[in-house]
C-alpha atoms as a PDB file:
ATOM      1  CA  MET A   1     192.535 -71.608 117.529  1.00  0.00           C
ATOM      2  CA  SER A   2     191.458 -68.016 117.091  1.00  0.00           C
ATOM      3  CA  PHE A   3     189.142 -66.211 119.483  1.00  0.00           C
ATOM      4  CA  ASN A   4     186.369 -65.896 116.841  1.00  0.00           C
ATOM      5  CA  LYS A   5     186.501 -69.604 116.086  1.00  0.00           C
ATOM      6  CA  LYS A   6     186.154 -70.443 119.803  1.00  0.00           C
ATOM      7  CA  ILE A   7     183.115 -68.189 120.088  1.00  0.00           C
ATOM      8  CA  THR A   8     181.601 -69.691 116.927  1.00  0.00           C
ATOM      9  CA  ASN A   9     182.106 -73.220 118.288  1.00  0.00           C
ATOM     10  CA  LYS A  10     180.570 -72.255 121.647  1.00  0.00           C
ATOM     11  CA  ILE A  11     177.530 -70.716 119.953  1.00  0.00           C
ATOM     12  CA  SER A  12     177.155 -73.758 117.694  1.00  0.00           C
ATOM     13  CA  ASN A  13     177.291 -76.111 120.679  1.00  0.00           C
ATOM     14  CA  CYS A  14     174.684 -74.084 122.578  1.00  0.00           C
ATOM     15  CA  PHE A  15     172.410 -74.011 119.528  1.00  0.00           C
ATOM     16  CA  LEU A  16     172.715 -77.759 119.037  1.00  0.00           C
ATOM     17  CA  MET A  17     171.873 -78.399 122.698  1.00  0.00           C
ATOM     18  CA  PHE A  18     168.835 -76.114 122.434  1.00  0.00           C
ATOM     19  CA  LEU A  19     167.723 -77.891 119.251  1.00  0.00           C
ATOM     20  CA  LEU A  20     168.100 -81.291 120.907  1.00  0.00           C
ATOM     21  CA  MET A  21     166.042 -80.176 123.909  1.00  0.00           C
ATOM     22  CA  PHE A  22     163.374 -78.657 121.652  1.00  0.00           C
ATOM     23  CA  CYS A  23     163.028 -81.836 119.616  1.00  0.00           C
ATOM     24  CA  SER A  24     162.792 -84.015 122.712  1.00  0.00           C
ATOM     25  CA  PHE A  25     159.813 -82.167 124.245  1.00  0.00           C
ATOM     26  CA  ASN A  26     157.472 -84.423 122.296  1.00  0.00           C
ATOM     27  CA  LEU A  27     158.729 -87.394 124.315  1.00  0.00           C
ATOM     28  CA  ILE A  28     157.231 -85.856 127.435  1.00  0.00           C
ATOM     29  CA  ALA A  29     153.776 -86.666 126.036  1.00  0.00           C
ATOM     30  CA  GLU A  30     154.245 -90.412 126.455  1.00  0.00           C
ATOM     31  CA  LYS A  31     153.088 -92.070 129.614  1.00  0.00           C
ATOM     32  CA  MET A  32     155.398 -94.497 131.368  1.00  0.00           C
ATOM     33  CA  PRO A  33     156.173 -97.200 130.561  1.00  0.00           C
ATOM     34  CA  PHE A  34     156.818 -96.753 126.872  1.00  0.00           C
ATOM     35  CA  LYS A  35     159.162 -98.105 124.240  1.00  0.00           C
ATOM     36  CA  VAL A  36     160.096 -96.528 120.931  1.00  0.00           C
ATOM     37  CA  PHE A  37     160.483 -98.591 117.775  1.00  0.00           C
ATOM     38  CA  GLU A  38     161.973 -97.056 114.635  1.00  0.00           C
ATOM     39  CA  THR A  39     160.952 -98.660 111.382  1.00  0.00           C
ATOM     40  CA  GLU A  40     162.121 -97.908 107.869  1.00  0.00           C
ATOM     41  CA  SER A  41     158.926 -99.338 106.387  1.00  0.00           C
ATOM     42  CA  LEU A  42     155.707 -98.728 108.320  1.00  0.00           C
ATOM     43  CA  SER A  43     153.258-101.618 108.110  1.00  0.00           C
ATOM     44  CA  ILE A  44     149.944-100.144 109.237  1.00  0.00           C
ATOM     45  CA  LYS A  45     146.286-101.129 109.034  1.00  0.00           C
ATOM     46  CA  LEU A  46     144.025 -98.221 109.950  1.00  0.00           C
ATOM     47  CA  SER A  47     140.223 -98.152 109.818  1.00  0.00           C
ATOM     48  CA  ASN A  48     138.104 -95.075 109.154  1.00  0.00           C
ATOM     49  CA  ASP A  49     137.411 -94.611 112.871  1.00  0.00           C
ATOM     50  CA  GLY A  50     141.141 -94.107 113.593  1.00  0.00           C
ATOM     51  CA  THR A  51     141.804 -97.490 115.188  1.00  0.00           C
ATOM     52  CA  GLY A  52     143.997-100.230 113.807  1.00  0.00           C
ATOM     53  CA  ILE A  53     147.341-101.984 114.176  1.00  0.00           C
ATOM     54  CA  VAL A  54     151.009-101.483 113.384  1.00  0.00           C
ATOM     55  CA  LYS A  55     152.678-104.746 112.380  1.00  0.00           C
ATOM     56  CA  GLY A  56     156.344-105.733 112.559  1.00  0.00           C
ATOM     57  CA  ILE A  57     157.097-104.266 115.997  1.00  0.00           C
ATOM     58  CA  ARG A  58     160.168-105.679 117.757  1.00  0.00           C
ATOM     59  CA  CYS A  59     161.529-104.851 121.185  1.00  0.00           C
ATOM     60  CA  ASP A  60     163.624-106.467 123.910  1.00  0.00           C
ATOM     61  CA  GLY A  61     161.449-108.519 126.222  1.00  0.00           C
ATOM     62  CA  CYS A  62     158.358-108.270 124.015  1.00  0.00           C
ATOM     63  CA  ASP A  63     156.600-111.461 122.915  1.00  0.00           C
ATOM     64  CA  PHE A  64     154.404-109.736 120.307  1.00  0.00           C
ATOM     65  CA  ASN A  65     154.995-108.271 116.850  1.00  0.00           C
ATOM     66  CA  PHE A  66     152.123-105.803 116.508  1.00  0.00           C
ATOM     67  CA  VAL A  67     150.603-102.980 118.561  1.00  0.00           C
ATOM     68  CA  ARG A  68     147.085-101.530 118.551  1.00  0.00           C
ATOM     69  CA  ILE A  69     146.171 -98.014 117.488  1.00  0.00           C
ATOM     70  CA  THR A  70     143.396 -96.767 119.766  1.00  0.00           C
ATOM     71  CA  ALA A  71     141.279 -93.645 120.003  1.00  0.00           C
ATOM     72  CA  ASP A  72     143.921 -92.229 122.387  1.00  0.00           C
ATOM     73  CA  SER A  73     146.796 -92.756 119.927  1.00  0.00           C
ATOM     74  CA  LYS A  74     148.301 -89.604 118.438  1.00  0.00           C
ATOM     75  CA  ALA A  75     150.507 -88.724 115.484  1.00  0.00           C
ATOM     76  CA  SER A  76     152.959 -85.902 114.884  1.00  0.00           C
ATOM     77  CA  GLU A  77     154.895 -84.609 111.921  1.00  0.00           C
ATOM     78  CA  ASP A  78     158.057 -82.613 112.617  1.00  0.00           C
ATOM     79  CA  GLY A  79     156.879 -82.092 116.205  1.00  0.00           C
ATOM     80  CA  ALA A  80     153.417 -80.761 115.296  1.00  0.00           C
ATOM     81  CA  GLU A  81     150.424 -82.927 116.146  1.00  0.00           C
ATOM     82  CA  VAL A  82     148.453 -84.192 113.145  1.00  0.00           C
ATOM     83  CA  SER A  83     145.495 -86.518 112.672  1.00  0.00           C
ATOM     84  CA  ILE A  84     146.273 -90.201 113.192  1.00  0.00           C
ATOM     85  CA  MET A  85     144.645 -90.755 109.789  1.00  0.00           C
ATOM     86  CA  GLU A  86     147.668 -89.104 108.151  1.00  0.00           C
ATOM     87  CA  ALA A  87     149.744 -92.094 109.252  1.00  0.00           C
ATOM     88  CA  ARG A  88     148.188 -94.071 106.394  1.00  0.00           C
ATOM     89  CA  ALA A  89     150.222 -92.010 103.955  1.00  0.00           C
ATOM     90  CA  ARG A  90     153.389 -93.087 105.790  1.00  0.00           C
ATOM     91  CA  ALA A  91     152.878 -96.767 104.938  1.00  0.00           C
ATOM     92  CA  GLY A  92     156.190 -98.150 103.681  1.00  0.00           C
ATOM     93  CA  LYS A  93     158.139 -95.119 104.974  1.00  0.00           C
ATOM     94  CA  PHE A  94     160.256 -94.296 108.035  1.00  0.00           C
ATOM     95  CA  VAL A  95     158.441 -93.557 111.326  1.00  0.00           C
ATOM     96  CA  MET A  96     158.960 -93.893 115.065  1.00  0.00           C
ATOM     97  CA  VAL A  97     156.263 -95.710 117.010  1.00  0.00           C
ATOM     98  CA  SER A  98     155.989 -95.150 120.782  1.00  0.00           C
ATOM     99  CA  PHE A  99     153.940 -97.785 122.558  1.00  0.00           C
ATOM    100  CA  ASN A 100     153.160 -99.182 125.978  1.00  0.00           C
ATOM    101  CA  PRO A 101     154.640-102.709 126.133  1.00  0.00           C
ATOM    102  CA  GLU A 102     152.198-103.768 128.865  1.00  0.00           C
ATOM    103  CA  THR A 103     149.000-102.875 126.996  1.00  0.00           C
ATOM    104  CA  GLN A 104     150.422-103.086 123.446  1.00  0.00           C
ATOM    105  CA  GLU A 105     148.799 -99.733 122.643  1.00  0.00           C
ATOM    106  CA  VAL A 106     150.346 -97.042 120.436  1.00  0.00           C
ATOM    107  CA  GLN A 107     150.855 -93.715 122.164  1.00  0.00           C
ATOM    108  CA  TYR A 108     152.517 -91.785 119.302  1.00  0.00           C
ATOM    109  CA  ILE A 109     153.513 -92.261 115.691  1.00  0.00           C
ATOM    110  CA  ARG A 110     156.113 -89.685 114.653  1.00  0.00           C
ATOM    111  CA  TRP A 111     157.754 -88.740 111.400  1.00  0.00           C
END
């Protein structure tokens, strides 16, 4: 392996680690305990006041299949916080839902 290729690989690895750390900063916003559920088809009911439910949630040890969206729930798109109302447009699409399994409340919806 040539010297330039080694340097290129090292720089690529450092960049990927930085990118991974940057993307994970959003997870710091959740309060413990939380679980993350990834869904390919968001099933959401959201009222005009920003509260509602996300149906079809599954997790280990959970005996429920929906979580509540509250006034404290937040949404983010590509790491930037957006209005929770924008989650309506994600119905039927891929999202990640972070929720507290004890209270069944949504903390974040990300896409």
